[in-house]
PDB file of all heavy atoms in Angstrom:
ATOM      1  N   PRO A   1      18.064  -2.324  20.990  1.00  0.00           N
ATOM      2  CA  PRO A   1      17.721  -3.164  19.836  1.00  0.00           C
ATOM      3  C   PRO A   1      18.499  -2.802  18.585  1.00  0.00           C
ATOM      4  O   PRO A   1      18.837  -3.674  17.780  1.00  0.00           O
ATOM      5  CB  PRO A   1      16.215  -2.908  19.657  1.00  0.00           C
ATOM      6  CG  PRO A   1      15.740  -2.484  21.003  1.00  0.00           C
ATOM      7  CD  PRO A   1      16.880  -1.720  21.606  1.00  0.00           C
ATOM      8  N   GLY A   2      18.792  -1.503  18.419  1.00  0.00           N
ATOM      9  CA  GLY A   2      19.538  -1.084  17.245  1.00  0.00           C
ATOM     10  C   GLY A   2      20.932  -1.647  17.192  1.00  0.00           C
ATOM     11  O   GLY A   2      21.532  -1.733  16.114  1.00  0.00           O
ATOM     12  N   ARG A   3      21.464  -2.039  18.341  1.00  0.00           N
ATOM     13  CA  ARG A   3      22.807  -2.614  18.373  1.00  0.00           C
ATOM     14  C   ARG A   3      22.765  -4.146  18.360  1.00  0.00           C
ATOM     15  O   ARG A   3      23.638  -4.780  17.800  1.00  0.00           O
ATOM     16  CB  ARG A   3      23.551  -2.115  19.611  1.00  0.00           C
ATOM     17  CG  ARG A   3      25.060  -2.231  19.464  1.00  0.00           C
ATOM     18  CD  ARG A   3      25.775  -1.297  20.422  1.00  0.00           C
ATOM     19  NE  ARG A   3      25.797  -1.811  21.781  1.00  0.00           N
ATOM     20  CZ  ARG A   3      25.548  -1.089  22.864  1.00  0.00           C
ATOM     21  NH1 ARG A   3      25.232   0.178  22.747  1.00  0.00           N
ATOM     22  NH2 ARG A   3      25.610  -1.609  24.063  1.00  0.00           N
ATOM     23  N   SER A   4      21.751  -4.724  18.990  1.00  0.00           N
ATOM     24  CA  SER A   4      21.679  -6.189  19.069  1.00  0.00           C
ATOM     25  C   SER A   4      21.010  -6.808  17.856  1.00  0.00           C
ATOM     26  O   SER A   4      21.255  -7.965  17.523  1.00  0.00           O
ATOM     27  CB  SER A   4      20.913  -6.605  20.324  1.00  0.00           C
ATOM     28  OG  SER A   4      19.540  -6.247  20.209  1.00  0.00           O
ATOM     29  N   GLY A   5      20.134  -6.049  17.181  1.00  0.00           N
ATOM     30  CA  GLY A   5      19.368  -6.591  16.070  1.00  0.00           C
ATOM     31  C   GLY A   5      18.096  -7.291  16.504  1.00  0.00           C
ATOM     32  O   GLY A   5      17.382  -7.875  15.683  1.00  0.00           O
ATOM     33  N   ILE A   6      17.770  -7.240  17.793  1.00  0.00           N
ATOM     34  CA  ILE A   6      16.565  -7.898  18.311  1.00  0.00           C
ATOM     35  C   ILE A   6      15.411  -6.899  18.223  1.00  0.00           C
ATOM     36  O   ILE A   6      15.271  -6.004  19.062  1.00  0.00           O
ATOM     37  CB  ILE A   6      16.772  -8.356  19.765  1.00  0.00           C
ATOM     38  CG1 ILE A   6      17.942  -9.331  19.845  1.00  0.00           C
ATOM     39  CG2 ILE A   6      15.492  -9.000  20.307  1.00  0.00           C
ATOM     40  CD1 ILE A   6      18.351  -9.689  21.264  1.00  0.00           C
ATOM     41  N   THR A   7      14.575  -7.049  17.214  1.00  0.00           N
ATOM     42  CA  THR A   7      13.473  -6.123  16.974  1.00  0.00           C
ATOM     43  C   THR A   7      12.116  -6.699  17.350  1.00  0.00           C
ATOM     44  O   THR A   7      11.108  -5.992  17.328  1.00  0.00           O
ATOM     45  CB  THR A   7      13.438  -5.720  15.488  1.00  0.00           C
ATOM     46  OG1 THR A   7      13.297  -6.911  14.675  1.00  0.00           O
ATOM     47  CG2 THR A   7      14.730  -5.008  15.092  1.00  0.00           C
ATOM     48  N   TRP A   8      12.063  -7.976  17.696  1.00  0.00           N
ATOM     49  CA  TRP A   8      10.819  -8.648  18.082  1.00  0.00           C
ATOM     50  C   TRP A   8      10.243  -8.009  19.346  1.00  0.00           C
ATOM     51  O   TRP A   8      10.984  -7.600  20.241  1.00  0.00           O
ATOM     52  CB  TRP A   8      11.131 -10.124  18.313  1.00  0.00           C
ATOM     53  CG  TRP A   8      10.008 -10.982  18.789  1.00  0.00           C
ATOM     54  CD1 TRP A   8       9.172 -11.736  18.022  1.00  0.00           C
ATOM     55  CD2 TRP A   8       9.638 -11.241  20.153  1.00  0.00           C
ATOM     56  NE1 TRP A   8       8.300 -12.440  18.821  1.00  0.00           N
ATOM     57  CE2 TRP A   8       8.564 -12.142  20.129  1.00  0.00           C
ATOM     58  CE3 TRP A   8      10.100 -10.782  21.389  1.00  0.00           C
ATOM     59  CZ2 TRP A   8       7.945 -12.619  21.293  1.00  0.00           C
ATOM     60  CZ3 TRP A   8       9.491 -11.238  22.553  1.00  0.00           C
ATOM     61  CH2 TRP A   8       8.435 -12.142  22.490  1.00  0.00           C
ATOM     62  N   VAL A   9       8.917  -7.942  19.412  1.00  0.00           N
ATOM     63  CA  VAL A   9       8.239  -7.371  20.579  1.00  0.00           C
ATOM     64  C   VAL A   9       7.131  -8.315  21.029  1.00  0.00           C
ATOM     65  O   VAL A   9       6.381  -8.859  20.203  1.00  0.00           O
ATOM     66  CB  VAL A   9       7.641  -5.982  20.244  1.00  0.00           C
ATOM     67  CG1 VAL A   9       6.854  -5.426  21.435  1.00  0.00           C
ATOM     68  CG2 VAL A   9       8.756  -5.015  19.857  1.00  0.00           C
ATOM     69  N   HIS A  10       7.030  -8.516  22.333  1.00  0.00           N
ATOM     70  CA  HIS A  10       5.979  -9.376  22.874  1.00  0.00           C
ATOM     71  C   HIS A  10       4.626  -8.679  22.808  1.00  0.00           C
ATOM     72  O   HIS A  10       4.506  -7.487  23.103  1.00  0.00           O
ATOM     73  CB  HIS A  10       6.297  -9.726  24.332  1.00  0.00           C
ATOM     74  CG  HIS A  10       5.253 -10.587  24.984  1.00  0.00           C
ATOM     75  ND1 HIS A  10       4.375 -10.121  25.931  1.00  0.00           N
ATOM     76  CD2 HIS A  10       4.945 -11.886  24.790  1.00  0.00           C
ATOM     77  CE1 HIS A  10       3.585 -11.107  26.311  1.00  0.00           C
ATOM     78  NE2 HIS A  10       3.902 -12.185  25.633  1.00  0.00           N
ATOM     79  N   ASP A  11       3.596  -9.421  22.398  1.00  0.00           N
ATOM     80  CA  ASP A  11       2.220  -8.933  22.363  1.00  0.00           C
ATOM     81  C   ASP A  11       1.443  -9.725  23.406  1.00  0.00           C
ATOM     82  O   ASP A  11       1.298 -10.941  23.277  1.00  0.00           O
ATOM     83  CB  ASP A  11       1.621  -9.136  20.968  1.00  0.00           C
ATOM     84  CG  ASP A  11       0.248  -8.506  20.818  1.00  0.00           C
ATOM     85  OD1 ASP A  11      -0.506  -8.445  21.819  1.00  0.00           O
ATOM     86  OD2 ASP A  11      -0.097  -8.085  19.698  1.00  0.00           O
ATOM     87  N   ASN A  12       0.956  -9.058  24.443  1.00  0.00           N
ATOM     88  CA  ASN A  12       0.261  -9.792  25.492  1.00  0.00           C
ATOM     89  C   ASN A  12      -1.246  -9.872  25.289  1.00  0.00           C
ATOM     90  O   ASN A  12      -1.971 -10.345  26.174  1.00  0.00           O
ATOM     91  CB  ASN A  12       0.562  -9.197  26.873  1.00  0.00           C
ATOM     92  CG  ASN A  12       0.025  -7.783  27.035  1.00  0.00           C
ATOM     93  OD1 ASN A  12      -0.416  -7.163  26.069  1.00  0.00           O
ATOM     94  ND2 ASN A  12       0.079  -7.272  28.247  1.00  0.00           N
ATOM     95  N   ALA A  13      -1.738  -9.409  24.147  1.00  0.00           N
ATOM     96  CA  ALA A  13      -3.153  -9.514  23.793  1.00  0.00           C
ATOM     97  C   ALA A  13      -4.049  -8.708  24.732  1.00  0.00           C
ATOM     98  O   ALA A  13      -5.221  -9.040  24.924  1.00  0.00           O
ATOM     99  CB  ALA A  13      -3.595 -10.985  23.778  1.00  0.00           C
ATOM    100  N   MET A  14      -3.510  -7.649  25.330  1.00  0.00           N
ATOM    101  CA  MET A  14      -4.280  -6.894  26.319  1.00  0.00           C
ATOM    102  C   MET A  14      -5.593  -6.378  25.739  1.00  0.00           C
ATOM    103  O   MET A  14      -5.634  -5.837  24.642  1.00  0.00           O
ATOM    104  CB  MET A  14      -3.462  -5.730  26.853  1.00  0.00           C
ATOM    105  CG  MET A  14      -4.174  -4.940  27.946  1.00  0.00           C
ATOM    106  SD  MET A  14      -3.170  -3.584  28.585  1.00  0.00           S
ATOM    107  CE  MET A  14      -1.967  -4.522  29.515  1.00  0.00           C
ATOM    108  N   SER A  15      -6.651  -6.551  26.499  1.00  0.00           N
ATOM    109  CA  SER A  15      -7.976  -6.122  26.060  1.00  0.00           C
ATOM    110  C   SER A  15      -8.727  -5.487  27.232  1.00  0.00           C
ATOM    111  O   SER A  15      -8.311  -5.597  28.388  1.00  0.00           O
ATOM    112  CB  SER A  15      -8.778  -7.312  25.539  1.00  0.00           C
ATOM    113  OG  SER A  15      -9.129  -8.171  26.625  1.00  0.00           O
ATOM    114  N   GLU A  16      -9.838  -4.862  26.954  1.00  0.00           N
ATOM    115  CA  GLU A  16     -10.656  -4.251  28.002  1.00  0.00           C
ATOM    116  C   GLU A  16     -11.281  -5.295  28.912  1.00  0.00           C
ATOM    117  O   GLU A  16     -11.720  -4.985  30.029  1.00  0.00           O
ATOM    118  CB  GLU A  16     -11.761  -3.408  27.358  1.00  0.00           C
ATOM    119  CG  GLU A  16     -12.696  -4.226  26.475  1.00  0.00           C
ATOM    120  CD  GLU A  16     -13.799  -3.381  25.859  1.00  0.00           C
ATOM    121  OE1 GLU A  16     -14.479  -2.673  26.638  1.00  0.00           O
ATOM    122  OE2 GLU A  16     -13.971  -3.438  24.635  1.00  0.00           O
ATOM    123  N   PHE A  17     -11.301  -6.542  28.471  1.00  0.00           N
ATOM    124  CA  PHE A  17     -11.927  -7.598  29.267  1.00  0.00           C
ATOM    125  C   PHE A  17     -10.989  -8.172  30.325  1.00  0.00           C
ATOM    126  O   PHE A  17     -11.411  -8.907  31.206  1.00  0.00           O
ATOM    127  CB  PHE A  17     -12.430  -8.716  28.349  1.00  0.00           C
ATOM    128  CG  PHE A  17     -13.431  -8.242  27.340  1.00  0.00           C
ATOM    129  CD1 PHE A  17     -13.066  -8.062  26.017  1.00  0.00           C
ATOM    130  CD2 PHE A  17     -14.728  -7.951  27.717  1.00  0.00           C
ATOM    131  CE1 PHE A  17     -13.993  -7.611  25.081  1.00  0.00           C
ATOM    132  CE2 PHE A  17     -15.660  -7.512  26.798  1.00  0.00           C
ATOM    133  CZ  PHE A  17     -15.290  -7.328  25.476  1.00  0.00           C
ATOM    134  N   ARG A  18      -9.703  -7.865  30.240  1.00  0.00           N
ATOM    135  CA  ARG A  18      -8.714  -8.273  31.227  1.00  0.00           C
ATOM    136  C   ARG A  18      -8.755  -9.785  31.480  1.00  0.00           C
ATOM    137  O   ARG A  18      -8.961 -10.251  32.592  1.00  0.00           O
ATOM    138  CB  ARG A  18      -8.928  -7.511  32.541  1.00  0.00           C
ATOM    139  CG  ARG A  18      -8.679  -6.010  32.444  1.00  0.00           C
ATOM    140  CD  ARG A  18      -7.234  -5.751  32.007  1.00  0.00           C
ATOM    141  NE  ARG A  18      -6.837  -4.360  32.131  1.00  0.00           N
ATOM    142  CZ  ARG A  18      -6.960  -3.445  31.165  1.00  0.00           C
ATOM    143  NH1 ARG A  18      -7.506  -3.778  30.009  1.00  0.00           N
ATOM    144  NH2 ARG A  18      -6.534  -2.211  31.343  1.00  0.00           N
ATOM    145  N   TYR A  19      -8.537 -10.555  30.412  1.00  0.00           N
ATOM    146  CA  TYR A  19      -8.447 -12.004  30.554  1.00  0.00           C
ATOM    147  C   TYR A  19      -7.123 -12.375  31.217  1.00  0.00           C
ATOM    148  O   TYR A  19      -6.067 -11.823  30.888  1.00  0.00           O
ATOM    149  CB  TYR A  19      -8.554 -12.677  29.195  1.00  0.00           C
ATOM    150  CG  TYR A  19      -9.876 -12.451  28.497  1.00  0.00           C
ATOM    151  CD1 TYR A  19      -9.936 -11.771  27.282  1.00  0.00           C
ATOM    152  CD2 TYR A  19     -11.059 -12.906  29.060  1.00  0.00           C
ATOM    153  CE1 TYR A  19     -11.143 -11.557  26.638  1.00  0.00           C
ATOM    154  CE2 TYR A  19     -12.283 -12.698  28.415  1.00  0.00           C
ATOM    155  CZ  TYR A  19     -12.313 -12.017  27.209  1.00  0.00           C
ATOM    156  OH  TYR A  19     -13.517 -11.794  26.587  1.00  0.00           O
ATOM    157  N   LEU A  20      -7.144 -13.306  32.134  1.00  0.00           N
ATOM    158  CA  LEU A  20      -5.982 -13.627  32.950  1.00  0.00           C
ATOM    159  C   LEU A  20      -4.726 -13.987  32.158  1.00  0.00           C
ATOM    160  O   LEU A  20      -3.626 -13.558  32.537  1.00  0.00           O
ATOM    161  CB  LEU A  20      -6.333 -14.763  33.924  1.00  0.00           C
ATOM    162  CG  LEU A  20      -5.283 -15.089  34.990  1.00  0.00           C
ATOM    163  CD1 LEU A  20      -4.987 -13.864  35.848  1.00  0.00           C
ATOM    164  CD2 LEU A  20      -5.754 -16.252  35.857  1.00  0.00           C
ATOM    165  N   PRO A  21      -4.812 -14.768  31.064  1.00  0.00           N
ATOM    166  CA  PRO A  21      -3.572 -15.096  30.334  1.00  0.00           C
ATOM    167  C   PRO A  21      -2.815 -13.883  29.798  1.00  0.00           C
ATOM    168  O   PRO A  21      -1.612 -13.974  29.532  1.00  0.00           O
ATOM    169  CB  PRO A  21      -4.070 -15.984  29.178  1.00  0.00           C
ATOM    170  CG  PRO A  21      -5.332 -16.596  29.693  1.00  0.00           C
ATOM    171  CD  PRO A  21      -5.974 -15.514  30.514  1.00  0.00           C
ATOM    172  N   GLU A  22      -3.512 -12.744  29.658  1.00  0.00           N
ATOM    173  CA  GLU A  22      -2.861 -11.544  29.129  1.00  0.00           C
ATOM    174  C   GLU A  22      -1.716 -11.070  30.016  1.00  0.00           C
ATOM    175  O   GLU A  22      -0.784 -10.425  29.537  1.00  0.00           O
ATOM    176  CB  GLU A  22      -3.885 -10.418  28.998  1.00  0.00           C
ATOM    177  CG  GLU A  22      -5.007 -10.691  28.033  1.00  0.00           C
ATOM    178  CD  GLU A  22      -6.103  -9.644  28.103  1.00  0.00           C
ATOM    179  OE1 GLU A  22      -5.927  -8.624  28.809  1.00  0.00           O
ATOM    180  OE2 GLU A  22      -7.151  -9.828  27.458  1.00  0.00           O
ATOM    181  N   THR A  23      -1.793 -11.373  31.295  1.00  0.00           N
ATOM    182  CA  THR A  23      -0.829 -10.809  32.231  1.00  0.00           C
ATOM    183  C   THR A  23       0.285 -11.761  32.623  1.00  0.00           C
ATOM    184  O   THR A  23       1.218 -11.360  33.313  1.00  0.00           O
ATOM    185  CB  THR A  23      -1.563 -10.322  33.504  1.00  0.00           C
ATOM    186  OG1 THR A  23      -0.694  -9.494  34.249  1.00  0.00           O
ATOM    187  CG2 THR A  23      -2.009 -11.488  34.360  1.00  0.00           C
ATOM    188  N   CYS A  24       0.248 -13.016  32.184  1.00  0.00           N
ATOM    189  CA  CYS A  24       1.178 -14.027  32.698  1.00  0.00           C
ATOM    190  C   CYS A  24       2.414 -14.268  31.836  1.00  0.00           C
ATOM    191  O   CYS A  24       3.415 -14.786  32.335  1.00  0.00           O
ATOM    192  CB  CYS A  24       0.449 -15.350  32.907  1.00  0.00           C
ATOM    193  SG  CYS A  24      -0.801 -15.284  34.199  1.00  0.00           S
ATOM    194  N   GLY A  25       2.355 -13.946  30.543  1.00  0.00           N
ATOM    195  CA  GLY A  25       3.478 -14.278  29.676  1.00  0.00           C
ATOM    196  C   GLY A  25       4.550 -13.190  29.670  1.00  0.00           C
ATOM    197  O   GLY A  25       4.267 -12.056  30.055  1.00  0.00           O
ATOM    198  N   SER A  26       5.816 -13.541  29.313  1.00  0.00           N
ATOM    199  CA  SER A  26       6.103 -14.773  28.610  1.00  0.00           C
ATOM    200  C   SER A  26       7.566 -15.128  28.848  1.00  0.00           C
ATOM    201  O   SER A  26       8.318 -14.349  29.418  1.00  0.00           O
ATOM    202  CB  SER A  26       5.803 -14.576  27.134  1.00  0.00           C
ATOM    203  OG  SER A  26       5.828 -15.779  26.420  1.00  0.00           O
ATOM    204  N   GLY A  27       7.991 -16.321  28.387  1.00  0.00           N
ATOM    205  CA  GLY A  27       9.326 -16.818  28.696  1.00  0.00           C
ATOM    206  C   GLY A  27      10.354 -16.609  27.606  1.00  0.00           C
ATOM    207  O   GLY A  27      10.067 -16.113  26.515  1.00  0.00           O
ATOM    208  N   CYS A  28      11.596 -17.008  27.919  1.00  0.00           N
ATOM    209  CA  CYS A  28      12.708 -16.847  26.991  1.00  0.00           C
ATOM    210  C   CYS A  28      13.794 -17.865  27.315  1.00  0.00           C
ATOM    211  O   CYS A  28      13.756 -18.504  28.367  1.00  0.00           O
ATOM    212  CB  CYS A  28      13.274 -15.428  27.066  1.00  0.00           C
ATOM    213  SG  CYS A  28      13.799 -14.911  28.721  1.00  0.00           S
ATOM    214  N   ALA A  29      14.762 -18.005  26.421  1.00  0.00           N
ATOM    215  CA  ALA A  29      15.801 -19.011  26.622  1.00  0.00           C
ATOM    216  C   ALA A  29      17.091 -18.628  25.928  1.00  0.00           C
ATOM    217  O   ALA A  29      17.091 -17.979  24.876  1.00  0.00           O
ATOM    218  CB  ALA A  29      15.334 -20.368  26.097  1.00  0.00           C
ATOM    219  N   PHE A  30      18.202 -19.050  26.539  1.00  0.00           N
ATOM    220  CA  PHE A  30      19.500 -19.117  25.885  1.00  0.00           C
ATOM    221  C   PHE A  30      19.717 -20.563  25.472  1.00  0.00           C
ATOM    222  O   PHE A  30      19.522 -21.480  26.288  1.00  0.00           O
ATOM    223  CB  PHE A  30      20.629 -18.706  26.834  1.00  0.00           C
ATOM    224  CG  PHE A  30      20.788 -17.223  27.011  1.00  0.00           C
ATOM    225  CD1 PHE A  30      20.248 -16.581  28.109  1.00  0.00           C
ATOM    226  CD2 PHE A  30      21.507 -16.469  26.089  1.00  0.00           C
ATOM    227  CE1 PHE A  30      20.414 -15.211  28.296  1.00  0.00           C
ATOM    228  CE2 PHE A  30      21.673 -15.101  26.266  1.00  0.00           C
ATOM    229  CZ  PHE A  30      21.121 -14.469  27.362  1.00  0.00           C
ATOM    230  N   LEU A  31      20.122 -20.793  24.232  1.00  0.00           N
ATOM    231  CA  LEU A  31      20.431 -22.140  23.769  1.00  0.00           C
ATOM    232  C   LEU A  31      21.352 -22.055  22.570  1.00  0.00           C
ATOM    233  O   LEU A  31      21.308 -21.074  21.814  1.00  0.00           O
ATOM    234  CB  LEU A  31      19.169 -22.914  23.385  1.00  0.00           C
ATOM    235  CG  LEU A  31      18.468 -22.528  22.069  1.00  0.00           C
ATOM    236  CD1 LEU A  31      17.606 -23.697  21.578  1.00  0.00           C
ATOM    237  CD2 LEU A  31      17.635 -21.272  22.203  1.00  0.00           C
ATOM    238  N   ASP A  32      22.171 -23.057  22.400  1.00  0.00           N
ATOM    239  CA  ASP A  32      23.051 -23.134  21.226  1.00  0.00           C
ATOM    240  C   ASP A  32      22.406 -24.109  20.249  1.00  0.00           C
ATOM    241  O   ASP A  32      22.777 -25.272  20.164  1.00  0.00           O
ATOM    242  CB  ASP A  32      24.444 -23.601  21.651  1.00  0.00           C
ATOM    243  CG  ASP A  32      25.418 -23.662  20.478  1.00  0.00           C
ATOM    244  OD1 ASP A  32      25.079 -23.165  19.384  1.00  0.00           O
ATOM    245  OD2 ASP A  32      26.516 -24.218  20.670  1.00  0.00           O
ATOM    246  N   TYR A  33      21.428 -23.619  19.495  1.00  0.00           N
ATOM    247  CA  TYR A  33      20.637 -24.520  18.662  1.00  0.00           C
ATOM    248  C   TYR A  33      21.427 -25.103  17.500  1.00  0.00           C
ATOM    249  O   TYR A  33      21.125 -26.187  17.002  1.00  0.00           O
ATOM    250  CB  TYR A  33      19.382 -23.808  18.142  1.00  0.00           C
ATOM    251  CG  TYR A  33      19.571 -23.026  16.860  1.00  0.00           C
ATOM    252  CD1 TYR A  33      19.205 -23.568  15.623  1.00  0.00           C
ATOM    253  CD2 TYR A  33      20.125 -21.744  16.866  1.00  0.00           C
ATOM    254  CE1 TYR A  33      19.373 -22.850  14.447  1.00  0.00           C
ATOM    255  CE2 TYR A  33      20.296 -21.021  15.705  1.00  0.00           C
ATOM    256  CZ  TYR A  33      19.922 -21.574  14.492  1.00  0.00           C
ATOM    257  OH  TYR A  33      20.106 -20.870  13.322  1.00  0.00           O
ATOM    258  N   ASP A  34      22.472 -24.370  17.040  1.00  0.00           N
ATOM    259  CA  ASP A  34      23.206 -24.807  15.863  1.00  0.00           C
ATOM    260  C   ASP A  34      24.574 -25.401  16.193  1.00  0.00           C
ATOM    261  O   ASP A  34      25.350 -25.706  15.290  1.00  0.00           O
ATOM    262  CB  ASP A  34      23.362 -23.661  14.862  1.00  0.00           C
ATOM    263  CG  ASP A  34      23.968 -22.402  15.483  1.00  0.00           C
ATOM    264  OD1 ASP A  34      24.341 -22.444  16.676  1.00  0.00           O
ATOM    265  OD2 ASP A  34      24.060 -21.381  14.782  1.00  0.00           O
TER     266      ASP A  34
END
């Protein structure tokens, strides 16, 4: 990250209740938006 500048971190909302959506994410993409 120190070289790429990508400092964002995924938060999966993990809790003691172990809700199913916590374990399924998440996606990403390459795109030329500009």
